[in-house]
Amino acid sequence: MIDIYNILIVCAAALVTALVILALLGKAGGETPHAGRPASDAEPAISALFRGQDIVDATDEARALITGSEETWAELSAALRPRFPSLPRKAPTERRLFASGSPGDDGYLELEQVGSRMRLSLCDRPANSADLHQLRAAQTELEVLRTALGTAPNPIWKSDETGRTDWSNKAYESLAADVASPEPGAPIFDMPPGGPEHMRTRRTCLASPKGDAQRWFDITSAQQGNAWLHYGIDVTAVVRAEIAQRNFVQTLTKTFAHLPIGLAIFDRNRQLALFNPAMIDLTQLSAEFLSGRPNLLSFFDRLREGRMMPEPKNYNDWREQMADLVAAASDDRYSETWSLPSGLTYKVTGRPHPDGAIAFLIEDISAEISLTRRFRSELELSQCVIDTLDDAIAIFSQNGVLTFSNAAYRTLWKSDPDSSFAELTVVDATRQWQEMCKPSPIWGELRDFVVQGHDRAAWEMHVEHKNNMRILCRVTPVAGGSTLVSFNCETPALPQRQLNTEGV
């Protein structure tokens, strides 16, 4: 038993001695092929063998990257392309190296020929603890970003250099399902002919084959290497509001087109937003100038140059007046009458509108002013004519207000109705007459007759002044329910005896 034990001890010692000798030989003579192989030369975890475009063999890690049902170059390259954007869509037939598209990423893809086949291998340096920690943190952040983008209510998608969609969120996929794209990856939004590099933000329409209402999107694109990221915002409600506003403006324009009053509406930025044809006719401004949406100051400046508004004495003062004009129009306080050198007369009114807009209305009141002047002239002539009459004249309206009197009336009754702003009624007038005359029943009857609306006929009656002068009062109905009251002062006759004495 002891001999066997000794033999085992000797064998163990010999084995240890042999291992030490081999270790010393390894240090002295160089590393063995497997012990000294660099980590990068180890068998890659992601590797696939291709025959043409089909995968004939692959590692489990490589197969895990394939999401489709077919194991092809297209499926595997689509999974690797986010990290290696230069990876072609078809398998090359010669040796190639593909670097990562991210700075600081040392990984690369190696495509090499193995007999009649091609092998694609992902080469990465071994990961240490720090790399693993950063990887876990990046994966956590990636999940957050993926969830945020995937559940975003607006469509977000990524397209390659050919315009095909290679990633999209659920909102985009829902739109794509409604549109029923003819082939996977085909864009559902129309892109400009020159490609996305000629656009940054554009508005496009997405029509549904079901005949539903059109949907409008504002699409903003940002370049990322050879790919593009697109962000869509649904602006259908905005577009519909703009269309409704445009239709409303067109309706207003058609309505205002037949108005004889010139209309100009300036928006909150004081730019001309709307005008009608009457504005062109009244101001002599060209349609081209008004269609160019001039600002408010340029509009009035052009009116001044065309002598279509009163000429200011000082230009600087005029600009201040324009500022006051705008302020007054904003408060609904602006209304002026412009007498132009051409003899025309315009009434200009400023009105505030919602959202800070201002509307100016220009009305040609030349005919009205001319008629008013002619009417005033006729009134003055009529006044002069009746002032020459010896009879005192007073005209009362249907509601009993004194509207007209002559000089003889003012002399007889010592009263000037035009000197007071207060209305003189028939009650006030008859009270004055009654005070200056002897008692008579005529005054009550006259008051009733003036305000009586029907069955009226002319009549007359004598009254006696307190100075013993006899006055013939005539009451005559005239047009419009008015009443003319005239007073004729009769010269008292001399006694007969006195006349005979003078005749002797």
Protein backbone atom coordinates (compact mmCIF):
# COMPACT_ATOMS: atom_id res chain seq x y z
CA MET A 1 0.00 0.00 0.00
CA ILE A 2 2.85 2.29 0.86
CA ASP A 3 4.54 1.51 -2.41
CA ILE A 4 1.52 2.48 -4.40
CA TYR A 5 1.24 5.74 -2.50
CA ASN A 6 4.85 6.57 -3.20
CA ILE A 7 4.40 5.81 -6.84
CA LEU A 8 1.46 8.29 -7.05
CA ILE A 9 3.52 11.00 -5.38
CA VAL A 10 6.31 10.52 -7.85
CA CYS A 11 3.92 10.69 -10.81
CA ALA A 12 2.32 13.90 -9.54
CA ALA A 13 5.67 15.52 -9.04
CA ALA A 14 6.71 14.53 -12.53
CA LEU A 15 3.51 16.00 -14.00
CA VAL A 16 4.00 19.32 -12.23
CA THR A 17 7.58 19.42 -13.38
CA ALA A 18 6.51 18.77 -16.96
CA LEU A 19 3.92 21.60 -16.87
CA VAL A 20 6.47 24.03 -15.52
CA ILE A 21 8.92 23.05 -18.23
CA LEU A 22 6.25 23.53 -20.93
CA ALA A 23 5.38 26.93 -19.55
CA LEU A 24 9.01 27.97 -19.58
CA LEU A 25 9.37 26.70 -23.10
CA GLY A 26 6.33 28.68 -24.17
CA LYS A 27 7.75 31.92 -22.83
CA ALA A 28 11.10 31.24 -24.39
CA GLY A 29 9.96 29.98 -27.77
CA GLY A 30 6.84 32.14 -28.39
CA GLU A 31 3.05 31.74 -27.96
CA THR A 32 1.16 28.73 -29.14
CA PRO A 33 -1.25 29.35 -32.05
CA HIS A 34 -4.44 29.27 -30.01
CA ALA A 35 -3.19 30.72 -26.77
CA GLY A 36 -1.77 33.80 -28.42
CA ARG A 37 -4.52 34.45 -31.02
CA PRO A 38 -5.81 38.01 -30.87
CA ALA A 39 -9.38 38.47 -29.76
CA SER A 40 -10.28 40.00 -33.11
CA ASP A 41 -9.18 36.78 -34.86
CA ALA A 42 -11.59 34.66 -32.83
CA GLU A 43 -14.56 33.21 -34.62
CA PRO A 44 -17.10 36.08 -35.00
CA ALA A 45 -20.39 35.66 -33.18
CA ILE A 46 -22.31 37.11 -36.15
CA SER A 47 -21.35 35.38 -39.36
CA ALA A 48 -23.24 34.13 -42.40
CA LEU A 49 -22.32 32.15 -45.50
CA PHE A 50 -23.98 33.13 -48.78
CA ARG A 51 -24.53 31.48 -52.09
CA GLY A 52 -25.60 34.30 -54.33
CA GLN A 53 -28.28 36.22 -52.40
CA ASP A 54 -29.32 33.32 -50.14
CA ILE A 55 -27.93 32.35 -46.74
CA VAL A 56 -26.77 28.74 -46.68
CA ASP A 57 -25.32 28.79 -43.17
CA ALA A 58 -25.21 31.27 -40.30
CA THR A 59 -24.54 31.54 -36.60
CA ASP A 60 -27.44 31.69 -34.18
CA GLU A 61 -26.69 35.34 -33.45
CA ALA A 62 -26.87 36.18 -37.16
CA ARG A 63 -30.17 34.35 -37.58
CA ALA A 64 -31.57 36.25 -34.59
CA LEU A 65 -31.14 39.51 -36.51
CA ILE A 66 -33.37 38.34 -39.36
CA THR A 67 -36.98 39.39 -38.78
CA GLY A 68 -38.43 38.18 -42.06
CA SER A 69 -39.37 34.68 -43.13
CA GLU A 70 -36.61 34.40 -45.72
CA GLU A 71 -32.91 34.05 -44.90
CA THR A 72 -31.39 36.27 -47.57
CA TRP A 73 -28.79 38.95 -47.95
CA ALA A 74 -31.55 41.58 -48.14
CA GLU A 75 -32.97 40.62 -44.75
CA LEU A 76 -29.62 40.46 -42.94
CA SER A 77 -28.24 43.60 -44.58
CA ALA A 78 -31.41 45.51 -43.61
CA ALA A 79 -30.75 44.60 -39.97
CA LEU A 80 -27.08 45.62 -40.18
CA ARG A 81 -27.52 48.76 -42.31
CA PRO A 82 -28.44 51.13 -39.43
CA ARG A 83 -24.92 50.57 -38.07
CA PHE A 84 -23.23 50.09 -41.44
CA PRO A 85 -25.08 52.44 -43.86
CA SER A 86 -22.72 51.68 -46.78
CA LEU A 87 -23.84 48.06 -46.89
CA PRO A 88 -25.31 47.42 -50.37
CA ARG A 89 -28.74 45.92 -50.95
CA LYS A 90 -27.33 43.10 -53.08
CA ALA A 91 -24.51 40.80 -52.02
CA PRO A 92 -21.16 41.75 -53.61
CA THR A 93 -19.13 39.06 -55.36
CA GLU A 94 -15.72 40.22 -54.20
CA ARG A 95 -13.98 40.92 -50.90
CA ARG A 96 -15.16 44.12 -49.20
CA LEU A 97 -14.84 45.88 -45.86
CA PHE A 98 -17.65 48.05 -44.48
CA ALA A 99 -16.89 50.51 -41.70
CA SER A 100 -19.39 51.71 -39.13
CA GLY A 101 -21.13 55.01 -39.79
CA SER A 102 -20.70 56.21 -36.20
CA PRO A 103 -17.49 57.95 -35.07
CA GLY A 104 -15.68 56.00 -32.37
CA ASP A 105 -17.17 52.66 -33.43
CA ASP A 106 -14.27 50.29 -34.21
CA GLY A 107 -16.49 47.51 -35.51
CA TYR A 108 -16.53 46.60 -39.19
CA LEU A 109 -18.04 44.04 -41.55
CA GLU A 110 -15.77 41.79 -43.57
CA LEU A 111 -17.00 40.11 -46.73
CA GLU A 112 -14.62 37.44 -48.00
CA GLN A 113 -14.76 34.66 -50.52
CA VAL A 114 -14.78 31.08 -49.27
CA GLY A 115 -14.60 28.84 -52.28
CA SER A 116 -17.63 29.59 -54.43
CA ARG A 117 -19.39 31.28 -51.56
CA MET A 118 -19.12 34.59 -49.72
CA ARG A 119 -18.92 34.94 -45.97
CA LEU A 120 -20.01 38.07 -44.09
CA SER A 121 -18.55 38.50 -40.60
CA LEU A 122 -19.03 41.18 -37.98
CA CYS A 123 -15.73 41.99 -36.29
CA ASP A 124 -15.77 43.76 -32.92
CA ARG A 125 -13.15 44.18 -30.24
CA PRO A 126 -13.85 42.25 -27.00
CA ALA A 127 -16.11 44.09 -24.59
CA ASN A 128 -14.82 44.93 -21.10
CA SER A 129 -16.89 45.82 -18.04
CA ALA A 130 -17.11 49.51 -18.99
CA ASP A 131 -18.31 48.62 -22.48
CA LEU A 132 -20.95 46.30 -21.05
CA HIS A 133 -22.16 49.02 -18.67
CA GLN A 134 -22.41 51.57 -21.48
CA LEU A 135 -24.18 49.01 -23.62
CA ARG A 136 -26.79 48.36 -20.93
CA ALA A 137 -27.32 52.12 -20.43
CA ALA A 138 -27.62 52.66 -24.18
CA GLN A 139 -30.11 49.82 -24.43
CA THR A 140 -32.24 51.40 -21.70
CA GLU A 141 -32.15 54.76 -23.44
CA LEU A 142 -32.88 53.07 -26.75
CA GLU A 143 -36.01 51.47 -25.31
CA VAL A 144 -37.21 54.84 -24.03
CA LEU A 145 -36.58 56.52 -27.38
CA ARG A 146 -38.12 53.63 -29.27
CA THR A 147 -41.25 53.83 -27.12
CA ALA A 148 -41.43 57.62 -27.44
CA LEU A 149 -41.10 57.58 -31.22
CA GLY A 150 -43.22 54.49 -31.70
CA THR A 151 -46.18 55.86 -29.73
CA ALA A 152 -45.92 59.44 -31.03
CA PRO A 153 -49.30 60.64 -32.40
CA ASN A 154 -47.66 62.09 -35.50
CA PRO A 155 -46.10 60.00 -38.28
CA ILE A 156 -42.30 59.65 -38.13
CA TRP A 157 -40.32 57.61 -40.61
CA LYS A 158 -36.87 57.14 -42.08
CA SER A 159 -36.02 56.74 -45.75
CA ASP A 160 -32.83 55.73 -47.49
CA GLU A 161 -31.08 57.45 -50.37
CA THR A 162 -33.52 55.88 -52.84
CA GLY A 163 -36.55 57.24 -51.00
CA ARG A 164 -37.75 53.88 -49.69
CA THR A 165 -39.01 53.71 -46.11
CA ASP A 166 -36.88 51.43 -43.92
CA TRP A 167 -38.28 52.45 -40.51
CA SER A 168 -41.52 54.00 -39.31
CA ASN A 169 -43.60 54.41 -36.17
CA LYS A 170 -47.13 53.19 -35.53
CA ALA A 171 -48.78 56.44 -36.67
CA TYR A 172 -47.06 56.16 -40.06
CA GLU A 173 -47.91 52.47 -40.33
CA SER A 174 -51.56 53.26 -39.63
CA LEU A 175 -51.57 55.80 -42.45
CA ALA A 176 -49.81 53.34 -44.74
CA ALA A 177 -52.49 50.75 -43.99
CA ASP A 178 -55.22 53.23 -44.95
CA VAL A 179 -53.44 54.18 -48.15
CA ALA A 180 -52.77 50.53 -49.03
CA SER A 181 -49.29 51.04 -50.47
CA PRO A 182 -48.69 48.76 -53.49
CA GLU A 183 -45.37 47.46 -52.16
CA PRO A 184 -43.58 47.41 -48.81
CA GLY A 185 -41.30 50.39 -48.24
CA ALA A 186 -42.90 52.54 -50.94
CA PRO A 187 -43.42 56.13 -49.71
CA ILE A 188 -47.03 57.11 -49.04
CA PHE A 189 -46.34 60.85 -49.30
CA ASP A 190 -45.50 62.55 -52.58
CA MET A 191 -41.96 63.88 -52.58
CA PRO A 192 -40.72 66.73 -54.82
CA PRO A 193 -39.17 65.67 -58.14
CA GLY A 194 -35.69 66.82 -57.14
CA GLY A 195 -35.56 64.54 -54.10
CA PRO A 196 -35.66 65.38 -50.42
CA GLU A 197 -32.45 67.41 -50.58
CA HIS A 198 -34.47 70.19 -52.20
CA MET A 199 -36.90 70.49 -49.32
CA ARG A 200 -36.99 71.12 -45.63
CA THR A 201 -40.65 71.67 -44.79
CA ARG A 202 -43.50 71.20 -47.21
CA ARG A 203 -47.25 70.63 -47.13
CA THR A 204 -48.66 67.59 -48.89
CA CYS A 205 -51.99 65.87 -49.23
CA LEU A 206 -52.68 62.22 -48.42
CA ALA A 207 -55.65 60.87 -50.34
CA SER A 208 -57.41 57.70 -49.26
CA PRO A 209 -58.45 55.14 -51.89
CA LYS A 210 -61.69 54.67 -49.94
CA GLY A 211 -62.83 58.10 -51.07
CA ASP A 212 -62.61 59.60 -47.59
CA ALA A 213 -61.79 63.24 -47.01
CA GLN A 214 -58.25 64.27 -47.81
CA ARG A 215 -55.75 64.67 -44.99
CA TRP A 216 -53.04 67.32 -45.07
CA PHE A 217 -49.63 67.09 -43.43
CA ASP A 218 -46.72 69.46 -42.91
CA ILE A 219 -43.61 67.30 -43.40
CA THR A 220 -40.24 68.39 -42.05
CA SER A 221 -37.20 66.44 -43.27
CA ALA A 222 -33.73 66.30 -41.76
CA GLN A 223 -30.74 64.60 -43.36
CA GLN A 224 -28.82 61.93 -41.43
CA GLY A 225 -25.92 60.68 -43.48
CA ASN A 226 -27.31 59.16 -46.64
CA ALA A 227 -30.72 58.73 -45.04
CA TRP A 228 -33.51 61.16 -44.19
CA LEU A 229 -35.72 61.48 -41.14
CA HIS A 230 -39.21 62.79 -41.78
CA TYR A 231 -41.64 64.26 -39.25
CA GLY A 232 -45.27 64.78 -40.22
CA ILE A 233 -47.84 66.99 -38.50
CA ASP A 234 -51.53 66.62 -39.29
CA VAL A 235 -52.75 70.08 -40.36
CA THR A 236 -56.05 68.99 -41.87
CA ALA A 237 -58.03 71.23 -39.51
CA VAL A 238 -55.77 74.18 -40.33
CA VAL A 239 -56.13 73.63 -44.08
CA ARG A 240 -59.90 73.35 -43.79
CA ALA A 241 -60.00 76.55 -41.76
CA GLU A 242 -57.86 78.30 -44.39
CA ILE A 243 -60.14 77.06 -47.17
CA ALA A 244 -63.22 78.22 -45.24
CA GLN A 245 -61.60 81.59 -44.64
CA ARG A 246 -60.65 81.86 -48.32
CA ASN A 247 -64.20 81.02 -49.38
CA PHE A 248 -65.56 83.53 -46.89
CA VAL A 249 -63.25 86.23 -48.22
CA GLN A 250 -64.30 85.41 -51.78
CA THR A 251 -67.94 85.68 -50.74
CA LEU A 252 -67.28 89.03 -49.11
CA THR A 253 -65.37 90.18 -52.18
CA LYS A 254 -68.27 89.28 -54.46
CA THR A 255 -70.67 91.04 -52.10
CA PHE A 256 -68.55 94.17 -51.81
CA ALA A 257 -67.91 94.22 -55.55
CA HIS A 258 -71.35 95.76 -56.15
CA LEU A 259 -71.11 98.39 -53.41
CA PRO A 260 -70.60 101.99 -54.55
CA ILE A 261 -68.61 102.66 -51.38
CA GLY A 262 -64.88 101.95 -51.56
CA LEU A 263 -63.71 99.39 -49.00
CA ALA A 264 -60.16 98.63 -47.89
CA ILE A 265 -59.42 96.25 -45.01
CA PHE A 266 -55.95 96.19 -43.44
CA ASP A 267 -54.90 93.26 -41.26
CA ARG A 268 -53.27 93.46 -37.85
CA ASN A 269 -49.88 94.02 -39.54
CA ARG A 270 -51.40 96.98 -41.41
CA GLN A 271 -51.12 95.20 -44.77
CA LEU A 272 -53.98 95.55 -47.26
CA ALA A 273 -55.93 92.30 -47.10
CA LEU A 274 -59.13 93.09 -49.02
CA PHE A 275 -60.47 95.79 -51.33
CA ASN A 276 -63.37 96.13 -53.75
CA PRO A 277 -63.58 97.60 -57.28
CA ALA A 278 -65.17 100.80 -55.98
CA MET A 279 -61.92 101.54 -54.15
CA ILE A 280 -60.09 101.49 -57.49
CA ASP A 281 -62.66 103.81 -59.08
CA LEU A 282 -62.73 106.30 -56.22
CA THR A 283 -59.00 106.49 -55.48
CA GLN A 284 -57.65 106.03 -59.03
CA LEU A 285 -55.13 103.56 -57.59
CA SER A 286 -54.12 100.74 -59.91
CA ALA A 287 -55.26 97.19 -59.28
CA GLU A 288 -51.61 96.05 -59.46
CA PHE A 289 -50.66 98.37 -56.61
CA LEU A 290 -53.55 97.26 -54.42
CA SER A 291 -53.01 93.59 -55.25
CA GLY A 292 -49.43 93.95 -54.02
CA ARG A 293 -50.82 94.35 -50.48
CA PRO A 294 -49.26 97.72 -49.62
CA ASN A 295 -49.09 98.76 -46.01
CA LEU A 296 -51.40 101.40 -44.66
CA LEU A 297 -48.89 104.25 -44.81
CA SER A 298 -47.98 103.45 -48.43
CA PHE A 299 -51.68 103.37 -49.28
CA PHE A 300 -52.33 106.87 -47.96
CA ASP A 301 -49.01 108.12 -49.31
CA ARG A 302 -50.08 107.02 -52.80
CA LEU A 303 -53.41 108.80 -52.29
CA ARG A 304 -51.53 111.96 -51.35
CA GLU A 305 -49.32 111.72 -54.43
CA GLY A 306 -52.38 111.27 -56.65
CA ARG A 307 -54.09 114.27 -54.99
CA MET A 308 -56.92 112.02 -53.89
CA MET A 309 -56.76 113.35 -50.35
CA PRO A 310 -56.22 116.85 -48.95
CA GLU A 311 -52.66 118.01 -49.55
CA PRO A 312 -50.78 118.37 -46.25
CA LYS A 313 -48.80 121.53 -45.62
CA ASN A 314 -45.96 119.67 -43.94
CA TYR A 315 -44.99 116.08 -44.77
CA ASN A 316 -43.64 115.30 -41.29
CA ASP A 317 -46.81 116.61 -39.71
CA TRP A 318 -48.76 114.55 -42.21
CA ARG A 319 -47.06 111.33 -41.10
CA GLU A 320 -47.95 112.15 -37.50
CA GLN A 321 -51.52 112.79 -38.62
CA MET A 322 -51.56 109.36 -40.29
CA ALA A 323 -50.46 107.78 -37.02
CA ASP A 324 -53.27 109.63 -35.24
CA LEU A 325 -55.64 108.54 -37.99
CA VAL A 326 -54.80 104.87 -37.44
CA ALA A 327 -55.18 105.25 -33.68
CA ALA A 328 -58.55 106.95 -34.12
CA ALA A 329 -59.74 104.28 -36.56
CA SER A 330 -58.71 101.57 -34.10
CA ASP A 331 -60.97 103.19 -31.51
CA ASP A 332 -63.85 103.76 -33.97
CA ARG A 333 -63.38 107.53 -33.74
CA TYR A 334 -62.26 108.38 -37.27
CA SER A 335 -64.64 110.10 -39.67
CA GLU A 336 -63.61 112.94 -41.97
CA THR A 337 -64.83 114.76 -45.06
CA TRP A 338 -62.20 115.29 -47.73
CA SER A 339 -62.65 118.18 -50.17
CA LEU A 340 -60.43 117.33 -53.12
CA PRO A 341 -58.86 119.78 -55.60
CA SER A 342 -60.94 118.18 -58.35
CA GLY A 343 -64.14 119.39 -56.69
CA LEU A 344 -65.11 115.96 -55.39
CA THR A 345 -66.02 115.42 -51.77
CA TYR A 346 -65.29 112.11 -50.02
CA LYS A 347 -66.45 110.89 -46.67
CA VAL A 348 -63.77 108.67 -45.11
CA THR A 349 -64.61 106.45 -42.13
CA GLY A 350 -62.38 104.11 -40.15
CA ARG A 351 -63.81 101.09 -38.36
CA PRO A 352 -62.00 98.59 -36.12
CA HIS A 353 -62.39 94.88 -36.85
CA PRO A 354 -61.57 91.73 -34.84
CA ASP A 355 -57.98 90.59 -34.47
CA GLY A 356 -56.64 94.13 -34.82
CA ALA A 357 -57.77 94.71 -38.41
CA ILE A 358 -58.97 98.13 -39.62
CA ALA A 359 -61.49 98.85 -42.37
CA PHE A 360 -61.60 102.16 -44.24
CA LEU A 361 -64.68 103.17 -46.18
CA ILE A 362 -64.49 105.92 -48.81
CA GLU A 363 -67.82 107.29 -50.03
CA ASP A 364 -68.32 109.87 -52.77
CA ILE A 365 -70.74 112.38 -51.27
CA SER A 366 -70.20 115.04 -53.95
CA ALA A 367 -73.80 114.77 -55.17
CA GLU A 368 -75.10 114.87 -51.61
CA ILE A 369 -72.97 117.90 -50.79
CA SER A 370 -74.04 119.60 -54.01
CA LEU A 371 -77.69 118.89 -53.23
CA THR A 372 -77.25 120.16 -49.69
CA ARG A 373 -75.62 123.33 -50.94
CA ARG A 374 -78.36 123.87 -53.50
CA PHE A 375 -81.02 123.21 -50.88
CA ARG A 376 -79.34 125.62 -48.50
CA SER A 377 -79.16 128.21 -51.25
CA GLU A 378 -82.86 127.77 -51.96
CA LEU A 379 -83.64 128.12 -48.27
CA GLU A 380 -81.62 131.31 -48.07
CA LEU A 381 -83.42 132.64 -51.16
CA SER A 382 -86.79 131.72 -49.71
CA GLN A 383 -85.87 133.43 -46.45
CA CYS A 384 -84.91 136.58 -48.31
CA VAL A 385 -88.19 136.53 -50.24
CA ILE A 386 -90.48 136.17 -47.22
CA ASP A 387 -88.43 138.70 -45.30
CA THR A 388 -89.59 141.28 -47.86
CA LEU A 389 -93.26 140.55 -47.09
CA ASP A 390 -95.18 142.95 -44.87
CA ASP A 391 -97.18 140.17 -43.21
CA ALA A 392 -95.62 138.36 -40.27
CA ILE A 393 -95.17 134.70 -41.22
CA ALA A 394 -94.76 131.64 -38.95
CA ILE A 395 -94.75 128.02 -40.16
CA PHE A 396 -95.29 125.13 -37.75
CA SER A 397 -94.51 121.49 -38.47
CA GLN A 398 -97.02 118.69 -37.98
CA ASN A 399 -95.78 118.10 -34.43
CA GLY A 400 -96.20 121.77 -33.56
CA VAL A 401 -92.61 123.06 -33.79
CA LEU A 402 -91.88 126.47 -35.30
CA THR A 403 -89.71 125.83 -38.37
CA PHE A 404 -89.84 129.12 -40.26
CA SER A 405 -90.42 132.83 -39.59
CA ASN A 406 -89.64 136.14 -41.29
CA ALA A 407 -88.39 139.57 -40.30
CA ALA A 408 -91.91 141.01 -39.94
CA TYR A 409 -92.72 138.26 -37.42
CA ARG A 410 -89.66 139.08 -35.35
CA THR A 411 -90.58 142.78 -35.40
CA LEU A 412 -94.24 142.27 -34.55
CA TRP A 413 -93.80 139.80 -31.70
CA LYS A 414 -90.39 140.99 -30.49
CA SER A 415 -89.06 137.42 -30.72
CA ASP A 416 -86.26 135.77 -32.74
CA PRO A 417 -86.70 131.96 -32.75
CA ASP A 418 -83.36 131.48 -34.54
CA SER A 419 -81.42 132.97 -31.64
CA SER A 420 -82.18 130.02 -29.37
CA PHE A 421 -81.11 126.39 -29.68
CA ALA A 422 -84.31 125.29 -27.96
CA GLU A 423 -87.28 124.42 -30.12
CA LEU A 424 -90.15 126.91 -30.08
CA THR A 425 -93.48 125.08 -30.10
CA VAL A 426 -96.93 126.37 -30.96
CA VAL A 427 -97.73 126.41 -27.24
CA ASP A 428 -94.75 128.70 -26.55
CA ALA A 429 -95.56 130.93 -29.53
CA THR A 430 -99.28 131.35 -28.72
CA ARG A 431 -98.37 132.12 -25.12
CA GLN A 432 -96.20 135.03 -26.37
CA TRP A 433 -98.94 136.22 -28.71
CA GLN A 434 -101.57 135.98 -26.00
CA GLU A 435 -99.46 138.08 -23.62
CA MET A 436 -99.15 140.84 -26.22
CA CYS A 437 -102.81 140.85 -27.30
CA LYS A 438 -106.15 141.39 -25.67
CA PRO A 439 -108.09 138.28 -24.61
CA SER A 440 -109.36 136.18 -27.52
CA PRO A 441 -110.50 132.54 -28.00
CA ILE A 442 -108.39 132.21 -31.15
CA TRP A 443 -105.25 130.97 -29.43
CA GLY A 444 -106.67 127.73 -28.13
CA GLU A 445 -108.30 126.99 -31.47
CA LEU A 446 -105.04 127.72 -33.27
CA ARG A 447 -103.09 125.32 -31.05
CA ASP A 448 -105.58 122.54 -31.69
CA PHE A 449 -105.58 123.21 -35.44
CA VAL A 450 -101.78 123.01 -35.76
CA VAL A 451 -101.56 119.55 -34.22
CA GLN A 452 -104.76 118.30 -35.86
CA GLY A 453 -103.95 115.71 -38.49
CA HIS A 454 -107.12 115.71 -40.65
CA ASP A 455 -110.18 117.74 -41.74
CA ARG A 456 -108.31 121.01 -41.91
CA ALA A 457 -109.39 124.08 -43.85
CA ALA A 458 -108.08 127.63 -43.94
CA TRP A 459 -109.70 130.15 -41.65
CA GLU A 460 -109.03 133.66 -40.30
CA MET A 461 -109.92 135.82 -37.31
CA HIS A 462 -109.15 139.27 -36.01
CA VAL A 463 -107.23 139.88 -32.80
CA GLU A 464 -106.41 143.17 -31.14
CA HIS A 465 -102.98 144.12 -29.96
CA LYS A 466 -102.65 145.78 -26.58
CA ASN A 467 -101.60 148.93 -28.40
CA ASN A 468 -105.09 148.89 -30.03
CA MET A 469 -103.76 147.68 -33.40
CA ARG A 470 -106.07 145.27 -35.20
CA ILE A 471 -104.36 142.18 -36.60
CA LEU A 472 -105.87 139.81 -39.11
CA CYS A 473 -104.68 136.28 -38.33
CA ARG A 474 -104.91 133.79 -41.21
CA VAL A 475 -104.36 130.07 -40.59
CA THR A 476 -103.65 127.96 -43.68
CA PRO A 477 -102.76 124.23 -43.87
CA VAL A 478 -99.80 123.49 -46.16
CA ALA A 479 -98.06 120.35 -47.46
CA GLY A 480 -96.71 117.71 -45.13
CA GLY A 481 -99.16 118.51 -42.33
CA SER A 482 -97.52 121.88 -41.65
CA THR A 483 -99.46 125.06 -40.86
CA LEU A 484 -98.81 128.62 -42.04
CA VAL A 485 -99.90 131.40 -39.71
CA SER A 486 -99.77 134.96 -41.07
CA PHE A 487 -100.48 138.24 -39.29
CA ASN A 488 -101.59 141.34 -41.22
CA CYS A 489 -101.53 144.55 -39.28
CA GLU A 490 -104.48 146.78 -40.28
CA THR A 491 -103.93 150.56 -40.12
CA PRO A 492 -106.73 152.08 -38.00
CA ALA A 493 -109.12 154.37 -39.98
CA LEU A 494 -109.43 158.07 -39.02
CA PRO A 495 -112.80 159.34 -37.69
CA GLN A 496 -115.19 160.60 -40.43
CA ARG A 497 -115.62 163.98 -38.84
CA GLN A 498 -111.96 164.64 -38.85
CA LEU A 499 -111.79 163.72 -42.57
CA ASN A 500 -114.55 166.19 -43.39
CA THR A 501 -112.84 168.93 -41.48
CA GLU A 502 -109.73 168.39 -43.47
CA GLY A 503 -111.72 168.51 -46.70
CA VAL A 504 -113.18 172.03 -45.99
